[in-house]
C-alpha atoms as a PDB file:
ATOM      1  CA  UNK A   1      -8.013  -1.923 -11.824  1.00  0.00           C
ATOM      2  CA  UNK A   2      -8.562   0.108  -8.730  1.00  0.00           C
ATOM      3  CA  UNK A   3      -6.619  -0.744  -5.015  1.00  0.00           C
ATOM      4  CA  UNK A   4      -8.073   0.364  -2.181  1.00  0.00           C
ATOM      5  CA  UNK A   5      -6.739  -0.361   1.520  1.00  0.00           C
ATOM      6  CA  UNK A   6      -8.764  -2.339   4.101  1.00  0.00           C
ATOM      7  CA  UNK A   7      -7.318  -0.496   7.615  1.00  0.00           C
ATOM      8  CA  UNK A   8      -8.125   1.861  10.287  1.00  0.00           C
ATOM      9  CA  UNK A   9      -4.546   2.649  10.286  1.00  0.00           C
ATOM     10  CA  UNK A  10      -4.241   6.567   9.801  1.00  0.00           C
ATOM     11  CA  UNK A  11      -0.209   6.476   9.272  1.00  0.00           C
ATOM     12  CA  UNK A  12      -0.499   3.277   6.904  1.00  0.00           C
ATOM     13  CA  UNK A  13      -3.204   5.338   4.802  1.00  0.00           C
ATOM     14  CA  UNK A  14      -1.329   8.158   4.879  1.00  0.00           C
ATOM     15  CA  UNK A  15       1.836   6.400   3.825  1.00  0.00           C
ATOM     16  CA  UNK A  16       0.298   4.571   0.990  1.00  0.00           C
ATOM     17  CA  UNK A  17      -1.750   7.849  -0.264  1.00  0.00           C
ATOM     18  CA  UNK A  18       1.440   9.897  -0.311  1.00  0.00           C
ATOM     19  CA  UNK A  19       2.812   6.974  -2.454  1.00  0.00           C
ATOM     20  CA  UNK A  20       0.010   7.156  -4.572  1.00  0.00           C
ATOM     21  CA  UNK A  21      -0.301   3.422  -4.839  1.00  0.00           C
ATOM     22  CA  UNK A  22      -3.860   3.174  -3.467  1.00  0.00           C
ATOM     23  CA  UNK A  23      -7.242   4.795  -4.485  1.00  0.00           C
ATOM     24  CA  UNK A  24      -9.633   5.071  -1.722  1.00  0.00           C
ATOM     25  CA  UNK A  25      -9.809   3.196   2.019  1.00  0.00           C
ATOM     26  CA  UNK A  26     -12.433   0.485   2.805  1.00  0.00           C
ATOM     27  CA  UNK A  27     -12.773   0.228   6.741  1.00  0.00           C
ATOM     28  CA  UNK A  28     -15.469  -0.858   9.513  1.00  0.00           C
ATOM     29  CA  UNK A  29     -16.109  -0.321  13.193  1.00  0.00           C
ATOM     30  CA  UNK A  30     -14.812  -3.114  14.366  1.00  0.00           C
ATOM     31  CA  UNK A  31     -11.442  -1.785  12.843  1.00  0.00           C
ATOM     32  CA  UNK A  32     -12.159   1.931  13.886  1.00  0.00           C
ATOM     33  CA  UNK A  33     -12.705   0.976  17.561  1.00  0.00           C
ATOM     34  CA  UNK A  34      -9.788  -1.081  18.187  1.00  0.00           C
ATOM     35  CA  UNK A  35      -7.968   2.698  17.704  1.00  0.00           C
ATOM     36  CA  UNK A  36     -10.089   3.542  20.833  1.00  0.00           C
ATOM     37  CA  UNK A  37     -10.828   6.920  18.675  1.00  0.00           C
ATOM     38  CA  UNK A  38     -14.506   8.227  17.752  1.00  0.00           C
ATOM     39  CA  UNK A  39     -15.206   6.165  14.907  1.00  0.00           C
ATOM     40  CA  UNK A  40     -16.400  10.020  13.013  1.00  0.00           C
ATOM     41  CA  UNK A  41     -13.229  11.631  13.845  1.00  0.00           C
ATOM     42  CA  UNK A  42     -11.082   8.656  12.426  1.00  0.00           C
ATOM     43  CA  UNK A  43     -13.295   8.767   9.309  1.00  0.00           C
ATOM     44  CA  UNK A  44     -12.921  12.673   8.853  1.00  0.00           C
ATOM     45  CA  UNK A  45      -9.346  11.853   9.466  1.00  0.00           C
ATOM     46  CA  UNK A  46      -9.119   9.252   6.257  1.00  0.00           C
ATOM     47  CA  UNK A  47     -11.220  11.571   4.199  1.00  0.00           C
ATOM     48  CA  UNK A  48      -8.770  14.013   4.434  1.00  0.00           C
ATOM     49  CA  UNK A  49      -5.734  11.783   3.269  1.00  0.00           C
ATOM     50  CA  UNK A  50      -7.651  10.173   0.211  1.00  0.00           C
ATOM     51  CA  UNK A  51      -9.445  12.051  -2.503  1.00  0.00           C
ATOM     52  CA  UNK A  52     -10.153   8.649  -2.739  1.00  0.00           C
ATOM     53  CA  UNK A  53     -13.864   7.373  -1.737  1.00  0.00           C
ATOM     54  CA  UNK A  54     -13.606   5.609   2.185  1.00  0.00           C
ATOM     55  CA  UNK A  55     -16.317   3.413   2.833  1.00  0.00           C
ATOM     56  CA  UNK A  56     -17.462   3.319   6.287  1.00  0.00           C
ATOM     57  CA  UNK A  57     -20.018   1.245   7.256  1.00  0.00           C
ATOM     58  CA  UNK A  58     -23.400   1.419   9.242  1.00  0.00           C
ATOM     59  CA  UNK A  59     -24.195  -1.062  12.778  1.00  0.00           C
ATOM     60  CA  UNK A  60     -27.488  -0.311  12.350  1.00  0.00           C
ATOM     61  CA  UNK A  61     -29.472  -3.249  11.669  1.00  0.00           C
ATOM     62  CA  UNK A  62     -32.772  -2.210  10.622  1.00  0.00           C
ATOM     63  CA  UNK A  63     -33.678   0.069   7.594  1.00  0.00           C
ATOM     64  CA  UNK A  64     -34.134   2.851   9.105  1.00  0.00           C
ATOM     65  CA  UNK A  65     -31.781   3.388  11.739  1.00  0.00           C
ATOM     66  CA  UNK A  66     -29.016   2.536   8.531  1.00  0.00           C
ATOM     67  CA  UNK A  67     -30.945   5.905   6.595  1.00  0.00           C
ATOM     68  CA  UNK A  68     -30.035   7.704   9.585  1.00  0.00           C
ATOM     69  CA  UNK A  69     -26.822   6.364  10.346  1.00  0.00           C
ATOM     70  CA  UNK A  70     -26.174   6.853   6.483  1.00  0.00           C
ATOM     71  CA  UNK A  71     -27.216  10.389   6.251  1.00  0.00           C
ATOM     72  CA  UNK A  72     -25.112  11.377   9.225  1.00  0.00           C
ATOM     73  CA  UNK A  73     -21.808   9.314   7.849  1.00  0.00           C
ATOM     74  CA  UNK A  74     -22.467  10.851   4.387  1.00  0.00           C
ATOM     75  CA  UNK A  75     -21.907  14.278   5.958  1.00  0.00           C
ATOM     76  CA  UNK A  76     -18.757  13.763   7.343  1.00  0.00           C
ATOM     77  CA  UNK A  77     -17.346  14.164   3.906  1.00  0.00           C
ATOM     78  CA  UNK A  78     -17.679  14.317   0.487  1.00  0.00           C
ATOM     79  CA  UNK A  79     -15.744  11.378  -0.432  1.00  0.00           C
ATOM     80  CA  UNK A  80     -17.579   9.245   2.603  1.00  0.00           C
ATOM     81  CA  UNK A  81     -19.378   5.722   0.275  1.00  0.00           C
ATOM     82  CA  UNK A  82     -21.305   4.515   3.098  1.00  0.00           C
ATOM     83  CA  UNK A  83     -21.205   0.515   3.035  1.00  0.00           C
ATOM     84  CA  UNK A  84     -24.684  -1.203   3.688  1.00  0.00           C
ATOM     85  CA  UNK A  85     -25.322  -4.636   4.600  1.00  0.00           C
ATOM     86  CA  UNK A  86     -26.849  -7.108   2.197  1.00  0.00           C
ATOM     87  CA  UNK A  87     -29.632  -8.028   4.211  1.00  0.00           C
ATOM     88  CA  UNK A  88     -33.058  -7.364   3.489  1.00  0.00           C
ATOM     89  CA  UNK A  89     -32.974  -3.954   5.556  1.00  0.00           C
ATOM     90  CA  UNK A  90     -30.130  -3.279   3.768  1.00  0.00           C
ATOM     91  CA  UNK A  91     -31.593  -2.837   0.689  1.00  0.00           C
ATOM     92  CA  UNK A  92     -34.779  -1.320   1.728  1.00  0.00           C
ATOM     93  CA  UNK A  93     -32.428   1.594   3.169  1.00  0.00           C
ATOM     94  CA  UNK A  94     -30.758   1.866  -0.061  1.00  0.00           C
END
């Protein structure tokens, strides 16, 4: 079993990652928006706090936009896992 924390709070992530209790991080644009910081900046910081996967969700609603956004997210760090919605366009983007 693997444990992933679902937050954008980098202090909480740092504490949990240093404890060895989590295997990765899931987050989403609405959680990151509450931080008031740029999305890519927060994702990059989170990726530096854990070696495990960090899921970063696209906000585009069309397949082409999802692919474009997903490629940008994947360039942030090697441990970014791009999260797509389970819609027809999300499936096309896969």
